[in-house]
C-alpha atoms as a PDB file:
ATOM      1  CA  UNK A   1     201.317 104.423 139.059  1.00  0.00           C
ATOM      2  CA  UNK A   2     203.097 100.762 140.280  1.00  0.00           C
ATOM      3  CA  UNK A   3     205.404 102.512 142.510  1.00  0.00           C
ATOM      4  CA  UNK A   4     201.794 104.211 144.085  1.00  0.00           C
ATOM      5  CA  UNK A   5     200.171 101.068 144.736  1.00  0.00           C
ATOM      6  CA  UNK A   6     203.388  99.185 145.640  1.00  0.00           C
ATOM      7  CA  UNK A   7     203.556 102.185 148.141  1.00  0.00           C
ATOM      8  CA  UNK A   8     199.695 101.753 149.853  1.00  0.00           C
ATOM      9  CA  UNK A   9     200.090  97.951 150.297  1.00  0.00           C
ATOM     10  CA  UNK A  10     203.757  98.380 151.929  1.00  0.00           C
ATOM     11  CA  UNK A  11     202.239 100.832 154.427  1.00  0.00           C
ATOM     12  CA  UNK A  12     199.019  98.508 154.904  1.00  0.00           C
ATOM     13  CA  UNK A  13     201.672  95.904 155.583  1.00  0.00           C
ATOM     14  CA  UNK A  14     203.883  97.514 157.914  1.00  0.00           C
ATOM     15  CA  UNK A  15     200.640  98.598 159.830  1.00  0.00           C
ATOM     16  CA  UNK A  16     199.240  95.384 160.326  1.00  0.00           C
ATOM     17  CA  UNK A  17     202.659  94.235 161.726  1.00  0.00           C
ATOM     18  CA  UNK A  18     202.992  96.773 163.855  1.00  0.00           C
ATOM     19  CA  UNK A  19     199.582  96.598 165.290  1.00  0.00           C
ATOM     20  CA  UNK A  20     200.128  93.024 165.863  1.00  0.00           C
ATOM     21  CA  UNK A  21     203.317  93.873 167.905  1.00  0.00           C
ATOM     22  CA  UNK A  22     201.903  96.044 170.061  1.00  0.00           C
ATOM     23  CA  UNK A  23     199.311  93.579 171.172  1.00  0.00           C
ATOM     24  CA  UNK A  24     201.725  91.000 171.497  1.00  0.00           C
ATOM     25  CA  UNK A  25     203.824  93.584 174.173  1.00  0.00           C
ATOM     26  CA  UNK A  26     200.468  94.495 175.376  1.00  0.00           C
ATOM     27  CA  UNK A  27     199.773  90.894 176.581  1.00  0.00           C
ATOM     28  CA  UNK A  28     203.463  90.145 177.331  1.00  0.00           C
ATOM     29  CA  UNK A  29     203.083  93.175 179.866  1.00  0.00           C
ATOM     30  CA  UNK A  30     206.119  95.236 178.193  1.00  0.00           C
ATOM     31  CA  UNK A  31     204.080  98.620 177.402  1.00  0.00           C
ATOM     32  CA  UNK A  32     207.483 100.419 177.875  1.00  0.00           C
ATOM     33  CA  UNK A  33     208.821  98.976 175.026  1.00  0.00           C
ATOM     34  CA  UNK A  34     206.614 100.255 172.632  1.00  0.00           C
ATOM     35  CA  UNK A  35     206.765 103.809 174.545  1.00  0.00           C
ATOM     36  CA  UNK A  36     210.621 103.396 173.590  1.00  0.00           C
ATOM     37  CA  UNK A  37     209.807 102.380 170.371  1.00  0.00           C
ATOM     38  CA  UNK A  38     207.739 105.281 170.002  1.00  0.00           C
ATOM     39  CA  UNK A  39     210.226 107.876 171.289  1.00  0.00           C
ATOM     40  CA  UNK A  40     212.810 106.570 169.059  1.00  0.00           C
ATOM     41  CA  UNK A  41     210.757 107.809 165.873  1.00  0.00           C
ATOM     42  CA  UNK A  42     209.908 110.881 168.111  1.00  0.00           C
ATOM     43  CA  UNK A  43     213.631 111.744 167.562  1.00  0.00           C
ATOM     44  CA  UNK A  44     213.438 111.600 163.664  1.00  0.00           C
ATOM     45  CA  UNK A  45     210.613 113.334 162.960  1.00  0.00           C
ATOM     46  CA  UNK A  46     212.516 116.813 162.465  1.00  0.00           C
ATOM     47  CA  UNK A  47     214.195 114.516 159.424  1.00  0.00           C
ATOM     48  CA  UNK A  48     211.197 112.298 157.904  1.00  0.00           C
ATOM     49  CA  UNK A  49     208.053 113.773 159.806  1.00  0.00           C
ATOM     50  CA  UNK A  50     205.149 112.056 161.450  1.00  0.00           C
ATOM     51  CA  UNK A  51     205.994 108.617 160.294  1.00  0.00           C
ATOM     52  CA  UNK A  52     205.384 106.984 163.477  1.00  0.00           C
ATOM     53  CA  UNK A  53     201.702 108.780 163.025  1.00  0.00           C
ATOM     54  CA  UNK A  54     201.125 107.316 159.530  1.00  0.00           C
ATOM     55  CA  UNK A  55     202.759 103.973 159.643  1.00  0.00           C
ATOM     56  CA  UNK A  56     203.426 102.378 163.119  1.00  0.00           C
ATOM     57  CA  UNK A  57     200.846 104.537 165.285  1.00  0.00           C
ATOM     58  CA  UNK A  58     198.173 101.391 166.229  1.00  0.00           C
ATOM     59  CA  UNK A  59     195.222 103.933 166.816  1.00  0.00           C
ATOM     60  CA  UNK A  60     195.470 105.240 162.974  1.00  0.00           C
ATOM     61  CA  UNK A  61     195.797 101.590 161.933  1.00  0.00           C
ATOM     62  CA  UNK A  62     192.305 100.860 164.010  1.00  0.00           C
ATOM     63  CA  UNK A  63     190.784 104.039 162.595  1.00  0.00           C
ATOM     64  CA  UNK A  64     191.167 103.153 158.847  1.00  0.00           C
ATOM     65  CA  UNK A  65     188.556 100.616 158.594  1.00  0.00           C
ATOM     66  CA  UNK A  66     186.528 102.916 160.924  1.00  0.00           C
ATOM     67  CA  UNK A  67     186.565 105.651 158.895  1.00  0.00           C
ATOM     68  CA  UNK A  68     186.082 103.388 155.573  1.00  0.00           C
ATOM     69  CA  UNK A  69     182.713 101.893 157.071  1.00  0.00           C
ATOM     70  CA  UNK A  70     181.994 105.488 158.058  1.00  0.00           C
ATOM     71  CA  UNK A  71     182.005 106.548 155.224  1.00  0.00           C
ATOM     72  CA  UNK A  72     180.662 104.004 153.265  1.00  0.00           C
ATOM     73  CA  UNK A  73     177.693 102.798 155.367  1.00  0.00           C
ATOM     74  CA  UNK A  74     176.055 105.879 157.181  1.00  0.00           C
ATOM     75  CA  UNK A  75     176.312 109.776 156.552  1.00  0.00           C
ATOM     76  CA  UNK A  76     178.398 111.971 158.667  1.00  0.00           C
ATOM     77  CA  UNK A  77     176.707 113.328 161.861  1.00  0.00           C
ATOM     78  CA  UNK A  78     178.899 116.669 161.304  1.00  0.00           C
ATOM     79  CA  UNK A  79     180.828 117.731 158.493  1.00  0.00           C
ATOM     80  CA  UNK A  80     183.475 119.533 161.298  1.00  0.00           C
ATOM     81  CA  UNK A  81     184.207 119.422 164.792  1.00  0.00           C
ATOM     82  CA  UNK A  82     183.134 122.449 166.675  1.00  0.00           C
ATOM     83  CA  UNK A  83     185.041 125.455 166.782  1.00  0.00           C
ATOM     84  CA  UNK A  84     186.059 124.578 170.340  1.00  0.00           C
ATOM     85  CA  UNK A  85     187.754 121.961 169.828  1.00  0.00           C
ATOM     86  CA  UNK A  86     190.008 123.960 167.621  1.00  0.00           C
ATOM     87  CA  UNK A  87     190.961 126.087 170.044  1.00  0.00           C
ATOM     88  CA  UNK A  88     195.090 125.894 170.857  1.00  0.00           C
ATOM     89  CA  UNK A  89     193.699 126.504 174.420  1.00  0.00           C
ATOM     90  CA  UNK A  90     191.672 122.863 174.734  1.00  0.00           C
ATOM     91  CA  UNK A  91     194.672 121.026 172.743  1.00  0.00           C
ATOM     92  CA  UNK A  92     197.236 122.271 175.123  1.00  0.00           C
ATOM     93  CA  UNK A  93     195.044 121.269 178.354  1.00  0.00           C
ATOM     94  CA  UNK A  94     194.479 117.988 176.266  1.00  0.00           C
ATOM     95  CA  UNK A  95     198.514 117.693 176.340  1.00  0.00           C
ATOM     96  CA  UNK A  96     198.945 118.805 179.548  1.00  0.00           C
ATOM     97  CA  UNK A  97     197.046 115.973 180.613  1.00  0.00           C
ATOM     98  CA  UNK A  98     198.411 113.709 178.433  1.00  0.00           C
ATOM     99  CA  UNK A  99     201.755 114.026 179.846  1.00  0.00           C
ATOM    100  CA  UNK A 100     200.169 113.719 183.688  1.00  0.00           C
ATOM    101  CA  UNK A 101     198.365 110.422 182.504  1.00  0.00           C
ATOM    102  CA  UNK A 102     201.671 109.271 180.220  1.00  0.00           C
ATOM    103  CA  UNK A 103     203.907 109.873 183.571  1.00  0.00           C
ATOM    104  CA  UNK A 104     201.724 108.298 185.845  1.00  0.00           C
ATOM    105  CA  UNK A 105     201.623 105.044 183.320  1.00  0.00           C
ATOM    106  CA  UNK A 106     205.303 105.203 183.278  1.00  0.00           C
ATOM    107  CA  UNK A 107     205.728 104.845 187.372  1.00  0.00           C
ATOM    108  CA  UNK A 108     202.769 102.105 187.030  1.00  0.00           C
ATOM    109  CA  UNK A 109     200.158 104.256 189.308  1.00  0.00           C
ATOM    110  CA  UNK A 110     197.808 103.989 186.066  1.00  0.00           C
ATOM    111  CA  UNK A 111     198.017 100.334 184.682  1.00  0.00           C
ATOM    112  CA  UNK A 112     195.930 100.655 181.332  1.00  0.00           C
ATOM    113  CA  UNK A 113     198.072 101.190 178.251  1.00  0.00           C
ATOM    114  CA  UNK A 114     197.609 104.649 177.384  1.00  0.00           C
ATOM    115  CA  UNK A 115     196.579 104.097 173.623  1.00  0.00           C
ATOM    116  CA  UNK A 116     193.712 101.506 174.589  1.00  0.00           C
ATOM    117  CA  UNK A 117     192.796 104.535 177.014  1.00  0.00           C
ATOM    118  CA  UNK A 118     192.576 106.618 174.285  1.00  0.00           C
ATOM    119  CA  UNK A 119     190.965 104.119 171.586  1.00  0.00           C
ATOM    120  CA  UNK A 120     187.141 105.005 172.103  1.00  0.00           C
ATOM    121  CA  UNK A 121     187.772 108.388 172.184  1.00  0.00           C
ATOM    122  CA  UNK A 122     189.596 108.183 168.530  1.00  0.00           C
ATOM    123  CA  UNK A 123     186.540 105.486 167.412  1.00  0.00           C
ATOM    124  CA  UNK A 124     183.867 108.012 168.489  1.00  0.00           C
ATOM    125  CA  UNK A 125     185.712 111.313 167.107  1.00  0.00           C
ATOM    126  CA  UNK A 126     185.860 109.448 163.785  1.00  0.00           C
ATOM    127  CA  UNK A 127     182.494 108.046 163.678  1.00  0.00           C
ATOM    128  CA  UNK A 128     180.645 111.278 165.105  1.00  0.00           C
ATOM    129  CA  UNK A 129     183.328 113.838 163.100  1.00  0.00           C
ATOM    130  CA  UNK A 130     186.097 112.879 160.655  1.00  0.00           C
ATOM    131  CA  UNK A 131     189.279 111.163 161.109  1.00  0.00           C
ATOM    132  CA  UNK A 132     191.036 114.299 160.666  1.00  0.00           C
ATOM    133  CA  UNK A 133     189.316 115.852 163.869  1.00  0.00           C
ATOM    134  CA  UNK A 134     191.292 113.240 165.611  1.00  0.00           C
ATOM    135  CA  UNK A 135     194.817 113.108 163.734  1.00  0.00           C
ATOM    136  CA  UNK A 136     195.124 117.311 163.812  1.00  0.00           C
ATOM    137  CA  UNK A 137     193.266 118.418 166.901  1.00  0.00           C
ATOM    138  CA  UNK A 138     192.259 116.114 169.461  1.00  0.00           C
ATOM    139  CA  UNK A 139     195.195 112.926 169.130  1.00  0.00           C
ATOM    140  CA  UNK A 140     197.970 113.936 172.092  1.00  0.00           C
ATOM    141  CA  UNK A 141     200.378 111.912 170.287  1.00  0.00           C
ATOM    142  CA  UNK A 142     199.449 113.524 167.068  1.00  0.00           C
ATOM    143  CA  UNK A 143     200.504 116.904 169.045  1.00  0.00           C
ATOM    144  CA  UNK A 144     203.370 115.687 170.395  1.00  0.00           C
ATOM    145  CA  UNK A 145     204.889 114.522 167.250  1.00  0.00           C
ATOM    146  CA  UNK A 146     203.383 117.795 165.214  1.00  0.00           C
ATOM    147  CA  UNK A 147     206.183 120.127 166.965  1.00  0.00           C
ATOM    148  CA  UNK A 148     209.415 118.873 165.826  1.00  0.00           C
ATOM    149  CA  UNK A 149     207.551 117.649 162.238  1.00  0.00           C
ATOM    150  CA  UNK A 150     206.714 121.138 161.760  1.00  0.00           C
ATOM    151  CA  UNK A 151     210.378 121.597 160.625  1.00  0.00           C
ATOM    152  CA  UNK A 152     210.885 118.210 159.341  1.00  0.00           C
ATOM    153  CA  UNK A 153     213.578 117.910 156.524  1.00  0.00           C
ATOM    154  CA  UNK A 154     212.165 115.663 154.354  1.00  0.00           C
ATOM    155  CA  UNK A 155     208.454 116.761 153.012  1.00  0.00           C
ATOM    156  CA  UNK A 156     205.724 116.458 150.778  1.00  0.00           C
ATOM    157  CA  UNK A 157     205.364 119.855 148.155  1.00  0.00           C
ATOM    158  CA  UNK A 158     202.997 120.588 145.285  1.00  0.00           C
ATOM    159  CA  UNK A 159     204.532 121.781 142.375  1.00  0.00           C
ATOM    160  CA  UNK A 160     202.077 124.844 141.446  1.00  0.00           C
ATOM    161  CA  UNK A 161     203.405 124.848 138.070  1.00  0.00           C
ATOM    162  CA  UNK A 162     201.218 120.983 137.497  1.00  0.00           C
ATOM    163  CA  UNK A 163     198.650 121.450 140.226  1.00  0.00           C
ATOM    164  CA  UNK A 164     195.617 122.037 138.535  1.00  0.00           C
ATOM    165  CA  UNK A 165     194.083 122.896 141.768  1.00  0.00           C
ATOM    166  CA  UNK A 166     191.448 120.103 141.612  1.00  0.00           C
ATOM    167  CA  UNK A 167     191.254 119.536 145.221  1.00  0.00           C
ATOM    168  CA  UNK A 168     191.549 115.676 145.152  1.00  0.00           C
ATOM    169  CA  UNK A 169     194.332 115.653 147.690  1.00  0.00           C
ATOM    170  CA  UNK A 170     192.597 117.912 149.756  1.00  0.00           C
ATOM    171  CA  UNK A 171     189.565 115.589 149.745  1.00  0.00           C
ATOM    172  CA  UNK A 172     191.663 112.456 150.628  1.00  0.00           C
ATOM    173  CA  UNK A 173     193.892 113.857 153.450  1.00  0.00           C
ATOM    174  CA  UNK A 174     193.068 112.203 156.387  1.00  0.00           C
ATOM    175  CA  UNK A 175     194.649 114.472 158.459  1.00  0.00           C
ATOM    176  CA  UNK A 176     193.416 117.868 157.052  1.00  0.00           C
ATOM    177  CA  UNK A 177     197.003 118.706 156.324  1.00  0.00           C
ATOM    178  CA  UNK A 178     196.597 120.154 153.051  1.00  0.00           C
ATOM    179  CA  UNK A 179     195.858 123.906 153.249  1.00  0.00           C
ATOM    180  CA  UNK A 180     194.130 126.616 150.510  1.00  0.00           C
ATOM    181  CA  UNK A 181     195.886 129.648 149.265  1.00  0.00           C
ATOM    182  CA  UNK A 182     193.175 131.759 147.260  1.00  0.00           C
ATOM    183  CA  UNK A 183     195.157 134.855 146.133  1.00  0.00           C
ATOM    184  CA  UNK A 184     196.872 135.466 143.387  1.00  0.00           C
ATOM    185  CA  UNK A 185     194.724 132.525 142.584  1.00  0.00           C
ATOM    186  CA  UNK A 186     193.716 129.418 144.192  1.00  0.00           C
ATOM    187  CA  UNK A 187     196.734 126.486 144.876  1.00  0.00           C
ATOM    188  CA  UNK A 188     197.315 124.064 147.796  1.00  0.00           C
ATOM    189  CA  UNK A 189     199.973 123.329 149.982  1.00  0.00           C
ATOM    190  CA  UNK A 190     200.971 120.483 152.121  1.00  0.00           C
ATOM    191  CA  UNK A 191     201.480 121.338 156.287  1.00  0.00           C
ATOM    192  CA  UNK A 192     204.259 119.656 157.172  1.00  0.00           C
ATOM    193  CA  UNK A 193     203.193 119.413 161.118  1.00  0.00           C
ATOM    194  CA  UNK A 194     200.040 117.544 159.894  1.00  0.00           C
ATOM    195  CA  UNK A 195     201.054 115.698 157.554  1.00  0.00           C
ATOM    196  CA  UNK A 196     201.328 111.613 158.406  1.00  0.00           C
ATOM    197  CA  UNK A 197     203.478 110.765 155.295  1.00  0.00           C
ATOM    198  CA  UNK A 198     200.392 108.135 153.927  1.00  0.00           C
ATOM    199  CA  UNK A 199     201.084 108.777 150.319  1.00  0.00           C
ATOM    200  CA  UNK A 200     197.387 109.108 149.882  1.00  0.00           C
ATOM    201  CA  UNK A 201     197.907 112.844 148.066  1.00  0.00           C
ATOM    202  CA  UNK A 202     200.764 111.517 146.249  1.00  0.00           C
ATOM    203  CA  UNK A 203     198.315 108.317 144.958  1.00  0.00           C
ATOM    204  CA  UNK A 204     195.192 110.729 143.746  1.00  0.00           C
ATOM    205  CA  UNK A 205     197.182 113.692 142.227  1.00  0.00           C
ATOM    206  CA  UNK A 206     196.102 112.916 138.519  1.00  0.00           C
ATOM    207  CA  UNK A 207     199.156 115.553 137.343  1.00  0.00           C
ATOM    208  CA  UNK A 208     201.977 114.051 139.413  1.00  0.00           C
ATOM    209  CA  UNK A 209     202.599 117.643 141.249  1.00  0.00           C
ATOM    210  CA  UNK A 210     203.147 115.935 144.401  1.00  0.00           C
ATOM    211  CA  UNK A 211     206.746 115.612 145.220  1.00  0.00           C
ATOM    212  CA  UNK A 212     208.806 114.266 148.282  1.00  0.00           C
ATOM    213  CA  UNK A 213     211.504 116.755 148.831  1.00  0.00           C
ATOM    214  CA  UNK A 214     214.128 117.837 150.971  1.00  0.00           C
ATOM    215  CA  UNK A 215     212.998 121.226 152.634  1.00  0.00           C
ATOM    216  CA  UNK A 216     215.568 124.029 152.267  1.00  0.00           C
ATOM    217  CA  UNK A 217     217.313 124.852 155.911  1.00  0.00           C
ATOM    218  CA  UNK A 218     216.136 128.290 155.339  1.00  0.00           C
ATOM    219  CA  UNK A 219     212.316 127.054 154.794  1.00  0.00           C
ATOM    220  CA  UNK A 220     213.042 124.691 157.977  1.00  0.00           C
ATOM    221  CA  UNK A 221     214.112 127.882 159.773  1.00  0.00           C
ATOM    222  CA  UNK A 222     210.932 130.096 158.783  1.00  0.00           C
ATOM    223  CA  UNK A 223     208.604 126.737 159.459  1.00  0.00           C
ATOM    224  CA  UNK A 224     210.331 126.613 163.546  1.00  0.00           C
ATOM    225  CA  UNK A 225     209.604 130.526 163.595  1.00  0.00           C
ATOM    226  CA  UNK A 226     205.768 129.768 162.733  1.00  0.00           C
ATOM    227  CA  UNK A 227     205.804 126.882 164.978  1.00  0.00           C
ATOM    228  CA  UNK A 228     207.078 128.736 168.159  1.00  0.00           C
ATOM    229  CA  UNK A 229     202.788 129.255 168.188  1.00  0.00           C
ATOM    230  CA  UNK A 230     202.409 125.930 169.337  1.00  0.00           C
ATOM    231  CA  UNK A 231     199.167 125.098 169.502  1.00  0.00           C
ATOM    232  CA  UNK A 232     198.345 127.910 166.746  1.00  0.00           C
ATOM    233  CA  UNK A 233     195.835 126.218 164.066  1.00  0.00           C
ATOM    234  CA  UNK A 234     197.341 125.726 160.846  1.00  0.00           C
ATOM    235  CA  UNK A 235     195.348 127.570 157.889  1.00  0.00           C
END
């Protein structure tokens, strides 16, 4: 239990420090340095998944208090985003537009930082829908990192022999990364493409059935085959 709580506070500390670093670089006019940091973490995503999204992303850090306030102080206006927002075509269009804006930012055509530009959309999505709607479907950075994350070497695994299928992990997952298997009996599995490595599921599990394990090469190859359909929805 102490390890679980220590991870929670370590992650929070890292998020606060990196948010302050991002603000400092933004004020100093060194936006490109943050993009280099992001690209460096993109390169290790095939090994450690979406660490950047869960631990460093300024948008994710901003959404944590927003998500908490909305869940505590007011009811959701919608439990899920419209079906059209889950369309792979819409996400493809969002991603292509993101790449264009990203290149324009690097060339200096667009002066405003891309993360700052996306912040209002992320906050509004979280307020009117859920944080998972942003992390999983609409965030262009999330789409980018989800591609190599699908074949990440290290990932969280639910041990079916210990799992009670209580659903607590699925309820606390901020990215909707836990899918349900209904047959032959109800069970859960974690989708590495969407997992933010936040450890929330590991902390809430009453049976300690969630483990961080290294995927076998065969498993990674199978996931790579599934991820050729880049924008397909995870089940």
